[in-house]
Protein backbone atom coordinates (compact mmCIF):
# COMPACT_ATOMS: atom_id res chain seq x y z
CA MET A 1 0.00 0.00 0.00
CA SER A 2 1.45 3.36 -1.02
CA THR A 3 0.78 6.66 0.65
CA ALA A 4 -0.60 9.39 -1.54
CA LEU A 5 1.76 12.20 -2.42
CA ILE A 6 -1.21 14.49 -3.04
CA PRO A 7 -4.77 13.90 -1.78
CA THR A 8 -7.10 12.67 -4.52
CA GLU A 9 -9.58 15.42 -3.61
CA THR A 10 -6.93 18.05 -4.39
CA ILE A 11 -6.38 16.58 -7.84
CA GLU A 12 -10.15 16.29 -8.46
CA THR A 13 -10.60 20.03 -7.84
CA LYS A 14 -8.05 20.75 -10.57
CA ILE A 15 -9.83 18.76 -13.29
CA PHE A 16 -12.13 20.86 -15.48
CA PHE A 17 -14.55 20.03 -18.26
CA ILE A 18 -13.64 22.17 -21.28
CA ARG A 19 -14.53 21.54 -24.94
CA GLY A 20 -16.21 18.31 -23.92
CA LYS A 21 -13.02 16.91 -22.36
CA LYS A 22 -11.71 16.49 -18.83
CA VAL A 23 -8.55 18.60 -18.64
CA MET A 24 -6.02 20.07 -16.26
CA ILE A 25 -4.54 23.56 -16.64
CA ASP A 26 -0.77 24.07 -16.99
CA LYS A 27 -0.50 26.26 -13.87
CA ASP A 28 -2.20 23.62 -11.70
CA LEU A 29 -0.01 20.86 -13.10
CA ALA A 30 3.13 22.94 -12.46
CA GLU A 31 1.98 23.43 -8.88
CA LEU A 32 1.47 19.68 -8.41
CA TYR A 33 4.86 18.86 -10.00
CA LYS A 34 6.51 21.64 -7.94
CA VAL A 35 8.00 23.30 -11.02
CA LYS A 36 7.53 26.83 -12.32
CA PRO A 37 4.74 27.14 -14.87
CA ILE A 38 7.13 28.68 -17.39
CA ALA A 39 9.45 25.67 -17.06
CA LEU A 40 6.56 23.30 -17.74
CA ARG A 41 5.47 25.30 -20.81
CA GLN A 42 9.05 25.42 -22.12
CA GLN A 43 9.40 21.64 -21.86
CA VAL A 44 6.12 21.22 -23.71
CA LYS A 45 7.20 23.64 -26.45
CA ARG A 46 10.52 21.81 -26.83
CA ASN A 47 8.59 18.55 -27.29
CA LYS A 48 5.64 19.87 -29.29
CA GLU A 49 5.40 16.70 -31.41
CA ARG A 50 4.43 14.74 -28.26
CA PHE A 51 1.38 16.94 -27.67
CA PRO A 52 -1.10 16.79 -30.55
CA ASP A 53 -4.38 18.72 -30.28
CA ASP A 54 -6.19 15.84 -28.57
CA PHE A 55 -3.49 15.81 -25.84
CA MET A 56 -3.20 19.58 -25.28
CA PHE A 57 -4.77 22.83 -26.47
CA GLN A 58 -4.53 26.49 -25.55
CA LEU A 59 -7.62 28.10 -24.04
CA THR A 60 -9.26 31.01 -25.81
CA SER A 61 -9.95 34.36 -24.14
CA GLU A 62 -13.65 33.43 -24.01
CA GLU A 63 -12.92 30.15 -22.21
CA VAL A 64 -10.74 31.97 -19.67
CA GLU A 65 -13.50 34.57 -19.14
CA SER A 66 -15.98 31.74 -18.62
CA MET A 67 -13.75 30.09 -16.02
CA VAL A 68 -13.34 33.39 -14.16
CA SER A 69 -17.07 34.16 -14.27
CA GLN A 70 -17.91 30.71 -12.93
CA ASN A 71 -15.44 31.26 -10.05
CA VAL A 72 -13.32 28.30 -11.12
CA ILE A 73 -10.33 30.61 -11.00
CA PRO A 74 -10.24 33.82 -8.97
CA SER A 75 -8.98 36.08 -11.77
CA LYS A 76 -7.14 36.14 -15.08
CA GLN A 77 -4.02 37.31 -13.26
CA SER A 78 -3.89 34.01 -11.37
CA LEU A 79 -3.16 32.34 -14.73
CA GLY A 80 0.12 34.22 -15.05
CA GLY A 81 -0.85 36.74 -17.69
CA HIS A 82 -1.19 34.31 -20.60
CA LEU A 83 -3.77 32.00 -22.13
CA PRO A 84 -3.18 28.70 -20.34
CA TYR A 85 -2.70 25.30 -21.90
CA ALA A 86 -5.18 22.56 -21.06
CA PHE A 87 -3.97 18.95 -20.96
CA THR A 88 -6.26 15.97 -21.49
CA GLU A 89 -5.64 12.73 -19.64
CA GLN A 90 -3.29 11.57 -22.41
CA GLY A 91 -1.48 14.91 -22.36
CA VAL A 92 -0.94 14.66 -18.62
CA ALA A 93 0.46 11.15 -19.10
CA MET A 94 2.84 12.49 -21.75
CA LEU A 95 4.08 15.21 -19.37
CA SER A 96 5.90 12.65 -17.23
CA SER A 97 8.05 11.80 -20.24
CA VAL A 98 9.15 15.41 -20.78
CA LEU A 99 9.52 16.36 -17.12
CA ASN A 100 12.40 14.19 -16.02
CA SER A 101 11.81 14.00 -12.28
CA THR A 102 10.75 11.32 -9.85
CA ARG A 103 8.06 13.62 -8.49
CA ALA A 104 6.58 14.13 -11.97
CA VAL A 105 6.26 10.36 -12.42
CA MET A 106 4.72 9.86 -8.96
CA VAL A 107 2.29 12.76 -9.38
CA ASN A 108 1.28 11.49 -12.83
CA ILE A 109 0.45 8.09 -11.37
CA GLN A 110 -1.87 9.75 -8.88
CA ILE A 111 -3.45 11.93 -11.57
CA MET A 112 -4.05 8.91 -13.81
CA ARG A 113 -5.70 7.09 -10.89
CA THR A 114 -7.92 10.11 -10.26
CA PHE A 115 -8.96 10.29 -13.93
CA THR A 116 -9.75 6.56 -13.80
CA LYS A 117 -11.77 6.99 -10.59
CA LEU A 118 -13.80 9.82 -12.15
CA ARG A 119 -14.42 7.78 -15.29
CA GLU A 120 -15.64 4.84 -13.16
CA MET A 121 -17.96 7.12 -11.17
CA ILE A 122 -19.47 8.54 -14.37
CA GLU A 123 -19.91 5.04 -15.80
CA THR A 124 -21.61 3.85 -12.58
CA HIS A 125 -24.11 6.71 -12.81
CA LYS A 126 -24.81 5.91 -16.46
CA ASP A 127 -25.38 2.23 -15.60
CA LEU A 128 -27.76 3.13 -12.76
CA LYS A 129 -29.73 5.52 -14.97
CA ARG A 130 -29.96 2.92 -17.73
CA LYS A 131 -31.16 0.24 -15.27
CA ILE A 132 -33.87 2.52 -13.91
CA GLU A 133 -35.01 3.39 -17.44
CA ASP A 134 -35.05 -0.32 -18.37
CA MET A 135 -37.10 -1.12 -15.27
CA GLU A 136 -39.50 1.68 -16.09
CA LYS A 137 -40.04 0.29 -19.60
CA LYS A 138 -40.34 -3.30 -18.42
CA TYR A 139 -42.66 -2.69 -15.48
CA ASP A 140 -44.30 0.46 -16.74
CA LYS A 141 -47.88 -0.79 -16.50
CA GLN A 142 -47.51 -2.70 -13.23
CA PHE A 143 -45.61 -0.02 -11.34
CA GLN A 144 -46.91 3.12 -12.99
CA VAL A 145 -48.06 4.40 -9.61
CA VAL A 146 -44.59 3.82 -8.11
CA PHE A 147 -42.82 5.60 -10.96
CA GLU A 148 -45.27 8.49 -10.76
CA ALA A 149 -44.68 8.73 -7.00
CA LEU A 150 -40.91 8.72 -7.53
CA LYS A 151 -41.18 11.44 -10.17
CA HIS A 152 -43.45 13.41 -7.85
CA LEU A 153 -40.89 13.13 -5.04
CA ILE A 154 -38.10 14.35 -7.29
CA GLU A 155 -40.03 17.38 -8.56
CA PRO A 156 -40.08 20.48 -6.36
CA ILE A 157 -43.24 21.10 -4.41
CA GLU A 158 -45.27 24.08 -5.61
CA ARG A 159 -47.47 25.49 -2.91
CA PRO A 160 -50.11 28.11 -3.64
CA LYS A 161 -49.16 31.52 -2.35
CA ARG A 162 -51.35 32.65 0.51
CA LYS A 163 -52.52 36.20 0.78
CA VAL A 164 -51.31 38.10 3.79
CA GLY A 165 -53.88 39.57 6.14
CA PHE A 166 -56.94 38.75 8.19
CA TYR A 167 -59.70 36.82 6.49
CA VAL A 168 -63.29 36.42 7.52
CA ALA A 169 -65.57 33.82 5.99
CA ASP A 170 -68.71 35.03 4.18
CA GLU A 171 -70.99 33.48 6.85
CA GLU A 172 -69.15 35.39 9.57
CA ILE A 173 -69.55 38.66 7.67
CA LYS A 174 -73.31 38.08 7.39
CA SER A 175 -73.60 37.43 11.11
CA LEU A 176 -71.51 40.52 11.91
CA LYS A 177 -73.78 42.70 9.76
CA ASN A 178 -76.61 41.86 12.13
CA TYR A 179 -74.80 43.73 14.92
CA LYS A 180 -75.60 47.41 15.20
CA GLY A 181 -72.71 49.83 15.23
CA ILE A 182 -70.50 47.93 12.77
CA LYS A 183 -70.08 49.71 9.47
CA PHE A 184 -68.97 47.94 6.33
CA TYR A 185 -67.33 49.78 3.45
CA ASP A 186 -69.16 47.80 0.78
CA GLU A 187 -72.55 49.09 1.89
């Protein structure tokens, strides 16, 4: 049993979903590898042929703005004043071959395990959803009431808005009109 160099939760918070892919940003990877971001980018540029577009891509200004607006990153300045590179799982794996350090290899192993764990979690949710849908089709007529109840439980409850104030029933108003000295504005 090996002890984790970096907690899995820390790595998970640094994985983003951009352009339909799970990626990690160069600055976060540099932090995990304990190298300067510029050193990481230089190694990547020196070995450009190892990083095709499906391994790594540079974010656009719009994507950076989106990340900032969604509070994924605190500000554009935290990215180091440039458009960051995003590495897919394969790109992260390739980084260990261009960063020649023991730490880079060990961190990459943990990152790969985290990507695998996330993929398994997503697959488990897909399987569960598919099984429920299959059950719904198979037992639709027999358990229609159960499925409707489940759907009803999932949907938010909408309660009618009550008017604020004091209300008197019509019968009470009629009986009050019989008392002398009470004036009503509708008369």
